[in-house]
C-alpha atoms as a PDB file:
ATOM      1  CA  UNK A   1       0.000   0.000   0.000  1.00  0.00           C
ATOM      2  CA  UNK A   2       1.245   3.461  -0.885  1.00  0.00           C
ATOM      3  CA  UNK A   3       1.209   6.354   1.537  1.00  0.00           C
ATOM      4  CA  UNK A   4      -1.060   9.030   0.103  1.00  0.00           C
ATOM      5  CA  UNK A   5      -2.242  12.585   0.500  1.00  0.00           C
ATOM      6  CA  UNK A   6      -6.033  12.872   0.376  1.00  0.00           C
ATOM      7  CA  UNK A   7      -8.098  15.835  -0.728  1.00  0.00           C
ATOM      8  CA  UNK A   8     -11.767  16.297   0.150  1.00  0.00           C
ATOM      9  CA  UNK A   9     -14.324  19.075   0.002  1.00  0.00           C
ATOM     10  CA  UNK A  10     -16.993  20.098   2.486  1.00  0.00           C
ATOM     11  CA  UNK A  11     -19.152  23.072   3.338  1.00  0.00           C
ATOM     12  CA  UNK A  12     -17.744  23.309   6.871  1.00  0.00           C
ATOM     13  CA  UNK A  13     -14.399  22.649   8.502  1.00  0.00           C
ATOM     14  CA  UNK A  14     -13.708  19.901  11.020  1.00  0.00           C
ATOM     15  CA  UNK A  15     -13.298  21.018  14.594  1.00  0.00           C
ATOM     16  CA  UNK A  16     -12.402  19.313  17.857  1.00  0.00           C
ATOM     17  CA  UNK A  17     -15.970  18.024  18.310  1.00  0.00           C
ATOM     18  CA  UNK A  18     -16.978  16.796  14.847  1.00  0.00           C
ATOM     19  CA  UNK A  19     -16.221  16.414  11.191  1.00  0.00           C
ATOM     20  CA  UNK A  20     -18.375  18.001   8.459  1.00  0.00           C
ATOM     21  CA  UNK A  21     -21.690  16.317   7.725  1.00  0.00           C
ATOM     22  CA  UNK A  22     -21.156  15.867   3.996  1.00  0.00           C
ATOM     23  CA  UNK A  23     -17.607  15.183   2.858  1.00  0.00           C
ATOM     24  CA  UNK A  24     -16.965  14.810  -0.879  1.00  0.00           C
ATOM     25  CA  UNK A  25     -13.974  12.875  -2.187  1.00  0.00           C
ATOM     26  CA  UNK A  26     -11.777  14.870  -4.535  1.00  0.00           C
ATOM     27  CA  UNK A  27      -8.346  13.301  -5.027  1.00  0.00           C
ATOM     28  CA  UNK A  28      -5.547  11.127  -3.676  1.00  0.00           C
ATOM     29  CA  UNK A  29      -1.895  11.017  -4.653  1.00  0.00           C
ATOM     30  CA  UNK A  30       0.699   8.342  -3.864  1.00  0.00           C
ATOM     31  CA  UNK A  31       3.896   9.076  -1.920  1.00  0.00           C
ATOM     32  CA  UNK A  32       3.704  12.869  -2.008  1.00  0.00           C
ATOM     33  CA  UNK A  33       1.630  15.982  -1.630  1.00  0.00           C
ATOM     34  CA  UNK A  34       1.612  17.065  -5.273  1.00  0.00           C
ATOM     35  CA  UNK A  35       1.707  20.630  -6.530  1.00  0.00           C
ATOM     36  CA  UNK A  36      -1.991  20.428  -7.452  1.00  0.00           C
ATOM     37  CA  UNK A  37      -2.995  19.567  -3.866  1.00  0.00           C
ATOM     38  CA  UNK A  38      -0.810  22.385  -2.509  1.00  0.00           C
ATOM     39  CA  UNK A  39      -2.386  24.918  -4.874  1.00  0.00           C
ATOM     40  CA  UNK A  40      -5.913  23.718  -4.181  1.00  0.00           C
ATOM     41  CA  UNK A  41      -5.187  24.169  -0.455  1.00  0.00           C
ATOM     42  CA  UNK A  42      -3.356  27.437  -1.105  1.00  0.00           C
ATOM     43  CA  UNK A  43      -5.964  30.103  -0.379  1.00  0.00           C
ATOM     44  CA  UNK A  44      -7.195  30.727   3.149  1.00  0.00           C
ATOM     45  CA  UNK A  45      -4.945  27.925   4.359  1.00  0.00           C
ATOM     46  CA  UNK A  46      -5.421  26.906   7.985  1.00  0.00           C
ATOM     47  CA  UNK A  47      -4.464  23.887  10.083  1.00  0.00           C
ATOM     48  CA  UNK A  48      -7.481  21.964  11.397  1.00  0.00           C
ATOM     49  CA  UNK A  49      -8.102  18.667  13.184  1.00  0.00           C
ATOM     50  CA  UNK A  50      -7.709  15.658  10.938  1.00  0.00           C
ATOM     51  CA  UNK A  51     -10.866  13.813   9.955  1.00  0.00           C
ATOM     52  CA  UNK A  52      -8.890  10.537   9.831  1.00  0.00           C
ATOM     53  CA  UNK A  53      -6.114  10.700  12.456  1.00  0.00           C
ATOM     54  CA  UNK A  54      -5.899  12.009  16.002  1.00  0.00           C
ATOM     55  CA  UNK A  55      -3.243  14.728  15.693  1.00  0.00           C
ATOM     56  CA  UNK A  56      -4.133  18.187  14.413  1.00  0.00           C
ATOM     57  CA  UNK A  57      -2.731  17.465  10.940  1.00  0.00           C
ATOM     58  CA  UNK A  58      -5.499  18.468   8.561  1.00  0.00           C
ATOM     59  CA  UNK A  59      -5.426  21.538   6.344  1.00  0.00           C
ATOM     60  CA  UNK A  60      -8.505  23.484   5.257  1.00  0.00           C
ATOM     61  CA  UNK A  61      -8.656  26.111   2.534  1.00  0.00           C
ATOM     62  CA  UNK A  62     -11.037  28.092   0.349  1.00  0.00           C
ATOM     63  CA  UNK A  63     -12.390  25.861  -2.438  1.00  0.00           C
ATOM     64  CA  UNK A  64     -13.301  28.445  -5.074  1.00  0.00           C
ATOM     65  CA  UNK A  65     -10.049  30.371  -4.818  1.00  0.00           C
ATOM     66  CA  UNK A  66      -7.852  27.255  -4.760  1.00  0.00           C
ATOM     67  CA  UNK A  67      -9.661  25.770  -7.760  1.00  0.00           C
ATOM     68  CA  UNK A  68      -9.304  29.050  -9.677  1.00  0.00           C
ATOM     69  CA  UNK A  69      -5.564  29.139  -8.962  1.00  0.00           C
ATOM     70  CA  UNK A  70      -5.064  25.578 -10.190  1.00  0.00           C
ATOM     71  CA  UNK A  71      -7.129  26.208 -13.341  1.00  0.00           C
ATOM     72  CA  UNK A  72      -5.031  29.275 -14.177  1.00  0.00           C
ATOM     73  CA  UNK A  73      -1.772  27.391 -13.690  1.00  0.00           C
ATOM     74  CA  UNK A  74      -3.034  24.479 -15.799  1.00  0.00           C
ATOM     75  CA  UNK A  75      -3.867  26.975 -18.559  1.00  0.00           C
ATOM     76  CA  UNK A  76      -0.336  28.415 -18.466  1.00  0.00           C
ATOM     77  CA  UNK A  77       1.309  24.982 -18.275  1.00  0.00           C
ATOM     78  CA  UNK A  78      -0.847  23.882 -21.215  1.00  0.00           C
ATOM     79  CA  UNK A  79       0.447  26.747 -23.356  1.00  0.00           C
ATOM     80  CA  UNK A  80       3.720  24.851 -23.557  1.00  0.00           C
ATOM     81  CA  UNK A  81       2.139  21.423 -24.018  1.00  0.00           C
ATOM     82  CA  UNK A  82      -0.055  21.954 -27.074  1.00  0.00           C
ATOM     83  CA  UNK A  83      -0.672  18.627 -28.753  1.00  0.00           C
ATOM     84  CA  UNK A  84      -0.020  16.605 -25.583  1.00  0.00           C
ATOM     85  CA  UNK A  85      -3.296  14.701 -25.457  1.00  0.00           C
ATOM     86  CA  UNK A  86      -2.401  13.105 -22.116  1.00  0.00           C
ATOM     87  CA  UNK A  87      -2.098  16.524 -20.495  1.00  0.00           C
ATOM     88  CA  UNK A  88      -5.304  17.760 -22.131  1.00  0.00           C
ATOM     89  CA  UNK A  89      -7.194  14.696 -20.885  1.00  0.00           C
ATOM     90  CA  UNK A  90      -5.765  15.132 -17.376  1.00  0.00           C
ATOM     91  CA  UNK A  91      -6.890  18.771 -17.308  1.00  0.00           C
ATOM     92  CA  UNK A  92     -10.378  17.884 -18.575  1.00  0.00           C
ATOM     93  CA  UNK A  93     -10.824  15.102 -15.973  1.00  0.00           C
ATOM     94  CA  UNK A  94      -9.472  17.267 -13.160  1.00  0.00           C
ATOM     95  CA  UNK A  95     -11.524  20.360 -13.902  1.00  0.00           C
ATOM     96  CA  UNK A  96     -14.742  18.372 -14.444  1.00  0.00           C
ATOM     97  CA  UNK A  97     -14.268  16.556 -11.119  1.00  0.00           C
ATOM     98  CA  UNK A  98     -13.480  19.787  -9.271  1.00  0.00           C
ATOM     99  CA  UNK A  99     -16.686  21.311 -10.612  1.00  0.00           C
ATOM    100  CA  UNK A 100     -18.696  18.245  -9.594  1.00  0.00           C
ATOM    101  CA  UNK A 101     -17.282  18.106  -6.039  1.00  0.00           C
ATOM    102  CA  UNK A 102     -17.526  21.861  -5.411  1.00  0.00           C
ATOM    103  CA  UNK A 103     -18.024  22.959  -1.797  1.00  0.00           C
ATOM    104  CA  UNK A 104     -16.938  25.827   0.435  1.00  0.00           C
ATOM    105  CA  UNK A 105     -13.645  24.280   1.616  1.00  0.00           C
ATOM    106  CA  UNK A 106     -10.911  21.932   0.515  1.00  0.00           C
ATOM    107  CA  UNK A 107      -9.765  19.574   3.279  1.00  0.00           C
ATOM    108  CA  UNK A 108      -6.265  18.159   2.780  1.00  0.00           C
ATOM    109  CA  UNK A 109      -5.346  15.089   4.805  1.00  0.00           C
ATOM    110  CA  UNK A 110      -1.584  14.664   5.105  1.00  0.00           C
ATOM    111  CA  UNK A 111      -1.175  12.042   7.834  1.00  0.00           C
ATOM    112  CA  UNK A 112       0.265   9.234   5.724  1.00  0.00           C
ATOM    113  CA  UNK A 113       2.790  11.584   4.084  1.00  0.00           C
ATOM    114  CA  UNK A 114       3.996  13.383   7.210  1.00  0.00           C
ATOM    115  CA  UNK A 115       4.338  10.058   9.024  1.00  0.00           C
ATOM    116  CA  UNK A 116       6.984   8.890   6.542  1.00  0.00           C
ATOM    117  CA  UNK A 117       9.667  10.784   8.496  1.00  0.00           C
ATOM    118  CA  UNK A 118      10.634  10.905  12.151  1.00  0.00           C
ATOM    119  CA  UNK A 119       9.583  14.574  12.351  1.00  0.00           C
ATOM    120  CA  UNK A 120       6.709  15.598  14.596  1.00  0.00           C
ATOM    121  CA  UNK A 121       3.580  15.304  12.378  1.00  0.00           C
ATOM    122  CA  UNK A 122       1.910  18.420  13.784  1.00  0.00           C
ATOM    123  CA  UNK A 123       5.054  20.497  13.238  1.00  0.00           C
ATOM    124  CA  UNK A 124       5.385  19.085   9.708  1.00  0.00           C
ATOM    125  CA  UNK A 125       1.831  20.171   8.904  1.00  0.00           C
ATOM    126  CA  UNK A 126       2.352  23.628  10.419  1.00  0.00           C
ATOM    127  CA  UNK A 127       5.448  24.002   8.195  1.00  0.00           C
ATOM    128  CA  UNK A 128       3.516  22.725   5.177  1.00  0.00           C
ATOM    129  CA  UNK A 129       0.748  25.289   5.802  1.00  0.00           C
ATOM    130  CA  UNK A 130       3.043  28.222   6.617  1.00  0.00           C
ATOM    131  CA  UNK A 131       5.980  27.612   4.243  1.00  0.00           C
ATOM    132  CA  UNK A 132       5.562  24.891   1.597  1.00  0.00           C
ATOM    133  CA  UNK A 133       2.053  25.725   0.407  1.00  0.00           C
ATOM    134  CA  UNK A 134       2.675  29.512   0.297  1.00  0.00           C
ATOM    135  CA  UNK A 135       5.924  28.896  -1.652  1.00  0.00           C
ATOM    136  CA  UNK A 136       4.052  26.758  -4.197  1.00  0.00           C
ATOM    137  CA  UNK A 137       1.340  29.422  -4.508  1.00  0.00           C
ATOM    138  CA  UNK A 138       3.941  32.179  -4.991  1.00  0.00           C
ATOM    139  CA  UNK A 139       5.727  30.178  -7.695  1.00  0.00           C
ATOM    140  CA  UNK A 140       2.429  29.469  -9.485  1.00  0.00           C
ATOM    141  CA  UNK A 141       1.370  33.118  -9.280  1.00  0.00           C
ATOM    142  CA  UNK A 142       4.719  34.205 -10.719  1.00  0.00           C
ATOM    143  CA  UNK A 143       4.394  31.701 -13.586  1.00  0.00           C
ATOM    144  CA  UNK A 144       0.832  32.856 -14.307  1.00  0.00           C
ATOM    145  CA  UNK A 145       2.120  36.452 -14.415  1.00  0.00           C
ATOM    146  CA  UNK A 146       4.724  35.493 -17.014  1.00  0.00           C
ATOM    147  CA  UNK A 147       7.711  35.133 -14.707  1.00  0.00           C
ATOM    148  CA  UNK A 148       9.547  32.145 -13.246  1.00  0.00           C
ATOM    149  CA  UNK A 149      10.158  30.509 -16.655  1.00  0.00           C
ATOM    150  CA  UNK A 150      12.593  27.900 -15.294  1.00  0.00           C
ATOM    151  CA  UNK A 151      10.098  26.719 -12.678  1.00  0.00           C
ATOM    152  CA  UNK A 152       7.339  26.570 -15.289  1.00  0.00           C
ATOM    153  CA  UNK A 153       9.559  24.558 -17.654  1.00  0.00           C
ATOM    154  CA  UNK A 154      10.315  22.071 -14.862  1.00  0.00           C
ATOM    155  CA  UNK A 155       6.593  21.704 -14.074  1.00  0.00           C
ATOM    156  CA  UNK A 156       5.811  21.113 -17.756  1.00  0.00           C
ATOM    157  CA  UNK A 157       8.583  18.520 -18.056  1.00  0.00           C
ATOM    158  CA  UNK A 158       7.154  16.523 -15.141  1.00  0.00           C
ATOM    159  CA  UNK A 159       3.454  17.442 -15.325  1.00  0.00           C
ATOM    160  CA  UNK A 160       2.297  13.905 -14.447  1.00  0.00           C
ATOM    161  CA  UNK A 161       3.944  14.093 -11.014  1.00  0.00           C
ATOM    162  CA  UNK A 162       2.335  17.454 -10.316  1.00  0.00           C
ATOM    163  CA  UNK A 163      -1.153  17.018 -11.777  1.00  0.00           C
ATOM    164  CA  UNK A 164      -1.979  13.381 -12.644  1.00  0.00           C
ATOM    165  CA  UNK A 165      -3.410  12.367  -9.279  1.00  0.00           C
ATOM    166  CA  UNK A 166      -6.375  10.036  -8.917  1.00  0.00           C
ATOM    167  CA  UNK A 167      -9.599  12.059  -8.926  1.00  0.00           C
ATOM    168  CA  UNK A 168     -12.692  10.124  -7.915  1.00  0.00           C
ATOM    169  CA  UNK A 169     -15.856   9.957  -5.863  1.00  0.00           C
ATOM    170  CA  UNK A 170     -14.383   7.234  -3.636  1.00  0.00           C
ATOM    171  CA  UNK A 171     -10.901   7.357  -2.136  1.00  0.00           C
ATOM    172  CA  UNK A 172      -9.106   4.884   0.115  1.00  0.00           C
ATOM    173  CA  UNK A 173     -10.603   6.816   3.051  1.00  0.00           C
ATOM    174  CA  UNK A 174     -14.165   7.755   2.148  1.00  0.00           C
ATOM    175  CA  UNK A 175     -16.910   9.060   4.389  1.00  0.00           C
ATOM    176  CA  UNK A 176     -20.579   8.077   4.502  1.00  0.00           C
ATOM    177  CA  UNK A 177     -22.927  10.655   3.219  1.00  0.00           C
END
């Protein structure tokens, strides 16, 4: 079994007492928190209780703004991948699923990824929310604005790693609803 990052959507955020009533499955990615998950969780980012594990290692973010950021970056990445049908299909699947699973918040579950090291999981998630995600957002914003050409070229060269996650209505951890 692969360790994965999991992305969900919901109209409320989990708190110490309960998880949201209706949780929609968005995406999972093996062995990493991909650029797409970081960007989707990149607006209004806040650490929240996990819906799966006991430590406070969940991340919530604004759905509409995160989805808009990813769509804009995919557009810019695609400008250098004309004719790549695999990329075009990935973008179509991703954007259609994001529209279908729309809610108020993204909920990123990182427990399996942050547990792969000996670092404190809660500190790893705080660092992810305060450093790694904002750095990914800043790089994407610069690329969208026409800057950061080297970063954009590297993303295009390895687009599968960044964007080709599994998007589906059922993930390894799914919730009734």
